[in-house]
C-alpha atoms as a PDB file:
ATOM      1  CA  UNK A   1      58.965 185.230  66.878  1.00  0.00           C
ATOM      2  CA  UNK A   2      61.810 182.810  66.682  1.00  0.00           C
ATOM      3  CA  UNK A   3      61.405 179.148  67.670  1.00  0.00           C
ATOM      4  CA  UNK A   4      63.961 178.537  70.395  1.00  0.00           C
ATOM      5  CA  UNK A   5      64.253 174.840  69.385  1.00  0.00           C
ATOM      6  CA  UNK A   6      66.026 175.988  66.263  1.00  0.00           C
ATOM      7  CA  UNK A   7      68.940 177.235  68.439  1.00  0.00           C
ATOM      8  CA  UNK A   8      71.786 174.947  69.581  1.00  0.00           C
ATOM      9  CA  UNK A   9      71.061 175.704  73.204  1.00  0.00           C
ATOM     10  CA  UNK A  10      67.669 176.664  74.688  1.00  0.00           C
ATOM     11  CA  UNK A  11      66.617 177.482  78.253  1.00  0.00           C
ATOM     12  CA  UNK A  12      63.596 175.819  79.857  1.00  0.00           C
ATOM     13  CA  UNK A  13      60.991 177.791  81.739  1.00  0.00           C
ATOM     14  CA  UNK A  14      63.049 177.087  84.930  1.00  0.00           C
ATOM     15  CA  UNK A  15      66.106 178.533  83.253  1.00  0.00           C
ATOM     16  CA  UNK A  16      67.837 175.159  82.739  1.00  0.00           C
ATOM     17  CA  UNK A  17      70.035 175.151  79.566  1.00  0.00           C
ATOM     18  CA  UNK A  18      69.374 172.252  77.168  1.00  0.00           C
ATOM     19  CA  UNK A  19      71.865 171.336  74.468  1.00  0.00           C
ATOM     20  CA  UNK A  20      70.121 170.672  71.091  1.00  0.00           C
ATOM     21  CA  UNK A  21      73.292 170.797  69.008  1.00  0.00           C
ATOM     22  CA  UNK A  22      72.863 167.138  68.182  1.00  0.00           C
ATOM     23  CA  UNK A  23      69.551 167.903  66.572  1.00  0.00           C
ATOM     24  CA  UNK A  24      69.751 171.334  64.903  1.00  0.00           C
ATOM     25  CA  UNK A  25      71.979 170.248  62.089  1.00  0.00           C
ATOM     26  CA  UNK A  26      69.604 167.395  61.104  1.00  0.00           C
ATOM     27  CA  UNK A  27      67.377 167.969  58.098  1.00  0.00           C
ATOM     28  CA  UNK A  28      64.624 165.793  59.542  1.00  0.00           C
ATOM     29  CA  UNK A  29      64.601 167.768  62.780  1.00  0.00           C
ATOM     30  CA  UNK A  30      64.421 171.050  61.040  1.00  0.00           C
ATOM     31  CA  UNK A  31      61.592 169.795  58.741  1.00  0.00           C
ATOM     32  CA  UNK A  32      59.693 168.541  61.760  1.00  0.00           C
ATOM     33  CA  UNK A  33      60.224 171.893  63.674  1.00  0.00           C
ATOM     34  CA  UNK A  34      58.828 173.719  60.599  1.00  0.00           C
ATOM     35  CA  UNK A  35      55.812 171.449  60.472  1.00  0.00           C
ATOM     36  CA  UNK A  36      55.163 171.694  64.188  1.00  0.00           C
ATOM     37  CA  UNK A  37      55.443 175.614  64.012  1.00  0.00           C
ATOM     38  CA  UNK A  38      52.986 175.568  60.991  1.00  0.00           C
ATOM     39  CA  UNK A  39      50.478 173.333  62.784  1.00  0.00           C
ATOM     40  CA  UNK A  40      50.688 175.264  65.977  1.00  0.00           C
ATOM     41  CA  UNK A  41      50.104 178.469  64.146  1.00  0.00           C
ATOM     42  CA  UNK A  42      47.048 177.077  62.485  1.00  0.00           C
ATOM     43  CA  UNK A  43      45.729 175.309  65.664  1.00  0.00           C
ATOM     44  CA  UNK A  44      43.501 178.005  66.964  1.00  0.00           C
ATOM     45  CA  UNK A  45      41.957 179.346  63.766  1.00  0.00           C
ATOM     46  CA  UNK A  46      41.356 175.786  62.502  1.00  0.00           C
ATOM     47  CA  UNK A  47      39.852 174.670  65.795  1.00  0.00           C
ATOM     48  CA  UNK A  48      37.371 177.566  65.526  1.00  0.00           C
ATOM     49  CA  UNK A  49      36.350 176.174  62.138  1.00  0.00           C
ATOM     50  CA  UNK A  50      36.299 172.631  63.477  1.00  0.00           C
ATOM     51  CA  UNK A  51      38.911 171.248  60.976  1.00  0.00           C
ATOM     52  CA  UNK A  52      42.423 169.792  61.348  1.00  0.00           C
ATOM     53  CA  UNK A  53      45.266 170.276  58.864  1.00  0.00           C
ATOM     54  CA  UNK A  54      44.793 166.700  57.659  1.00  0.00           C
ATOM     55  CA  UNK A  55      41.030 167.229  57.126  1.00  0.00           C
ATOM     56  CA  UNK A  56      41.921 170.409  55.117  1.00  0.00           C
ATOM     57  CA  UNK A  57      44.048 168.230  52.880  1.00  0.00           C
ATOM     58  CA  UNK A  58      41.299 165.672  52.471  1.00  0.00           C
ATOM     59  CA  UNK A  59      38.615 168.218  51.632  1.00  0.00           C
ATOM     60  CA  UNK A  60      40.943 169.907  49.048  1.00  0.00           C
ATOM     61  CA  UNK A  61      41.682 166.599  47.290  1.00  0.00           C
ATOM     62  CA  UNK A  62      37.972 165.625  47.344  1.00  0.00           C
ATOM     63  CA  UNK A  63      37.087 169.153  45.979  1.00  0.00           C
ATOM     64  CA  UNK A  64      39.698 168.868  43.225  1.00  0.00           C
ATOM     65  CA  UNK A  65      38.702 165.285  42.372  1.00  0.00           C
ATOM     66  CA  UNK A  66      34.974 164.965  42.580  1.00  0.00           C
ATOM     67  CA  UNK A  67      33.823 161.308  43.033  1.00  0.00           C
ATOM     68  CA  UNK A  68      37.096 160.179  44.156  1.00  0.00           C
ATOM     69  CA  UNK A  69      37.126 156.691  45.533  1.00  0.00           C
ATOM     70  CA  UNK A  70      38.315 156.154  49.110  1.00  0.00           C
ATOM     71  CA  UNK A  71      40.931 153.622  47.869  1.00  0.00           C
ATOM     72  CA  UNK A  72      42.341 156.282  45.603  1.00  0.00           C
ATOM     73  CA  UNK A  73      42.597 158.671  48.629  1.00  0.00           C
ATOM     74  CA  UNK A  74      44.453 155.946  50.496  1.00  0.00           C
ATOM     75  CA  UNK A  75      46.919 155.707  47.537  1.00  0.00           C
ATOM     76  CA  UNK A  76      47.622 159.408  47.295  1.00  0.00           C
ATOM     77  CA  UNK A  77      47.554 160.328  51.000  1.00  0.00           C
ATOM     78  CA  UNK A  78      49.908 157.661  52.143  1.00  0.00           C
ATOM     79  CA  UNK A  79      47.758 156.802  55.113  1.00  0.00           C
ATOM     80  CA  UNK A  80      46.675 153.303  55.991  1.00  0.00           C
ATOM     81  CA  UNK A  81      43.120 152.300  55.096  1.00  0.00           C
ATOM     82  CA  UNK A  82      41.782 152.397  58.731  1.00  0.00           C
ATOM     83  CA  UNK A  83      43.211 155.834  59.477  1.00  0.00           C
ATOM     84  CA  UNK A  84      41.733 157.294  56.318  1.00  0.00           C
ATOM     85  CA  UNK A  85      38.382 155.481  56.914  1.00  0.00           C
ATOM     86  CA  UNK A  86      38.028 157.228  60.306  1.00  0.00           C
ATOM     87  CA  UNK A  87      38.892 160.640  58.850  1.00  0.00           C
ATOM     88  CA  UNK A  88      36.446 160.217  55.942  1.00  0.00           C
ATOM     89  CA  UNK A  89      33.790 159.004  58.340  1.00  0.00           C
ATOM     90  CA  UNK A  90      34.197 162.125  60.474  1.00  0.00           C
ATOM     91  CA  UNK A  91      33.799 164.271  57.427  1.00  0.00           C
ATOM     92  CA  UNK A  92      30.818 162.378  56.193  1.00  0.00           C
ATOM     93  CA  UNK A  93      29.200 162.459  59.714  1.00  0.00           C
ATOM     94  CA  UNK A  94      29.765 166.238  59.886  1.00  0.00           C
ATOM     95  CA  UNK A  95      28.036 166.661  56.421  1.00  0.00           C
ATOM     96  CA  UNK A  96      31.087 168.070  54.757  1.00  0.00           C
ATOM     97  CA  UNK A  97      31.593 165.024  52.344  1.00  0.00           C
ATOM     98  CA  UNK A  98      29.000 162.778  50.782  1.00  0.00           C
ATOM     99  CA  UNK A  99      29.572 159.265  49.361  1.00  0.00           C
ATOM    100  CA  UNK A 100      27.645 158.737  46.068  1.00  0.00           C
ATOM    101  CA  UNK A 101      27.544 155.775  43.844  1.00  0.00           C
ATOM    102  CA  UNK A 102      29.812 156.217  40.841  1.00  0.00           C
ATOM    103  CA  UNK A 103      28.159 156.772  37.501  1.00  0.00           C
ATOM    104  CA  UNK A 104      30.410 154.332  35.639  1.00  0.00           C
ATOM    105  CA  UNK A 105      30.475 151.682  38.251  1.00  0.00           C
ATOM    106  CA  UNK A 106      27.513 151.570  40.554  1.00  0.00           C
ATOM    107  CA  UNK A 107      29.237 149.045  42.870  1.00  0.00           C
ATOM    108  CA  UNK A 108      31.498 151.754  44.292  1.00  0.00           C
ATOM    109  CA  UNK A 109      31.039 155.110  46.038  1.00  0.00           C
ATOM    110  CA  UNK A 110      32.920 158.222  45.203  1.00  0.00           C
ATOM    111  CA  UNK A 111      33.337 161.175  47.622  1.00  0.00           C
ATOM    112  CA  UNK A 112      32.251 164.678  46.825  1.00  0.00           C
ATOM    113  CA  UNK A 113      32.067 167.858  48.837  1.00  0.00           C
ATOM    114  CA  UNK A 114      28.686 168.902  50.059  1.00  0.00           C
ATOM    115  CA  UNK A 115      27.587 172.519  50.118  1.00  0.00           C
ATOM    116  CA  UNK A 116      28.675 172.741  53.783  1.00  0.00           C
ATOM    117  CA  UNK A 117      31.959 171.141  52.881  1.00  0.00           C
ATOM    118  CA  UNK A 118      32.574 173.820  50.236  1.00  0.00           C
ATOM    119  CA  UNK A 119      31.648 176.567  52.719  1.00  0.00           C
ATOM    120  CA  UNK A 120      34.043 175.158  55.376  1.00  0.00           C
ATOM    121  CA  UNK A 121      36.814 174.595  52.810  1.00  0.00           C
ATOM    122  CA  UNK A 122      36.570 178.230  51.585  1.00  0.00           C
ATOM    123  CA  UNK A 123      36.942 179.488  55.117  1.00  0.00           C
ATOM    124  CA  UNK A 124      39.817 177.262  55.970  1.00  0.00           C
ATOM    125  CA  UNK A 125      41.519 178.061  52.658  1.00  0.00           C
ATOM    126  CA  UNK A 126      41.468 181.722  53.656  1.00  0.00           C
ATOM    127  CA  UNK A 127      43.298 180.779  56.900  1.00  0.00           C
ATOM    128  CA  UNK A 128      45.796 178.684  55.032  1.00  0.00           C
ATOM    129  CA  UNK A 129      46.422 181.420  52.406  1.00  0.00           C
ATOM    130  CA  UNK A 130      47.141 183.929  55.149  1.00  0.00           C
ATOM    131  CA  UNK A 131      49.781 181.560  56.711  1.00  0.00           C
ATOM    132  CA  UNK A 132      51.257 180.875  53.315  1.00  0.00           C
ATOM    133  CA  UNK A 133      51.659 184.650  52.773  1.00  0.00           C
ATOM    134  CA  UNK A 134      53.363 185.009  56.145  1.00  0.00           C
ATOM    135  CA  UNK A 135      55.806 182.117  55.458  1.00  0.00           C
ATOM    136  CA  UNK A 136      56.559 183.333  51.947  1.00  0.00           C
ATOM    137  CA  UNK A 137      57.312 186.759  53.363  1.00  0.00           C
ATOM    138  CA  UNK A 138      60.377 185.129  55.060  1.00  0.00           C
ATOM    139  CA  UNK A 139      61.755 183.893  51.764  1.00  0.00           C
ATOM    140  CA  UNK A 140      62.578 185.408  48.446  1.00  0.00           C
ATOM    141  CA  UNK A 141      60.805 184.008  45.350  1.00  0.00           C
ATOM    142  CA  UNK A 142      63.978 182.059  44.490  1.00  0.00           C
ATOM    143  CA  UNK A 143      64.387 180.716  48.033  1.00  0.00           C
ATOM    144  CA  UNK A 144      60.763 179.595  48.039  1.00  0.00           C
ATOM    145  CA  UNK A 145      61.215 177.684  44.727  1.00  0.00           C
ATOM    146  CA  UNK A 146      64.486 176.097  45.913  1.00  0.00           C
ATOM    147  CA  UNK A 147      62.888 175.052  49.208  1.00  0.00           C
ATOM    148  CA  UNK A 148      59.865 173.522  47.428  1.00  0.00           C
ATOM    149  CA  UNK A 149      62.054 171.618  45.004  1.00  0.00           C
ATOM    150  CA  UNK A 150      64.278 170.394  47.860  1.00  0.00           C
ATOM    151  CA  UNK A 151      61.295 169.220  49.904  1.00  0.00           C
ATOM    152  CA  UNK A 152      59.726 167.384  46.957  1.00  0.00           C
ATOM    153  CA  UNK A 153      63.056 165.783  46.300  1.00  0.00           C
ATOM    154  CA  UNK A 154      63.460 164.720  49.955  1.00  0.00           C
ATOM    155  CA  UNK A 155      59.888 163.321  50.040  1.00  0.00           C
ATOM    156  CA  UNK A 156      60.478 161.477  46.820  1.00  0.00           C
ATOM    157  CA  UNK A 157      63.705 159.944  48.077  1.00  0.00           C
ATOM    158  CA  UNK A 158      61.996 158.653  51.270  1.00  0.00           C
ATOM    159  CA  UNK A 159      58.883 157.152  49.727  1.00  0.00           C
END
């Protein structure tokens, strides 16, 4: 199904035409529309698993970096400390992530996935992989690589 907000003119439910031509040529608008469509597509399956897209990202980073310090998560996620603290606390309270004293510096805690966290992440990864396959089906392999390169370049330019 095509997202009507990608067209220059759309009609509301009441049939009122709305001109979007001032937006549809903007990269930022199109990137946001793609992200919104992606999140909307994941909303129901992730709700059933009790996870948000942001929590999926955090769980993946923690899985791939056992004993990662919360400060390091702040650095790589680009979130402010208080926002990340709330997200991590939710994951800890749900038993998906556990803080453990670091072996090399007992003053600090590192985060690791629990067994429940691994189980949930495996289920969520299956949902994400399905969406990735559907998105990739809309692109050739070359288009996918060009898009990934362009998005990385844009993100790098704006950070």
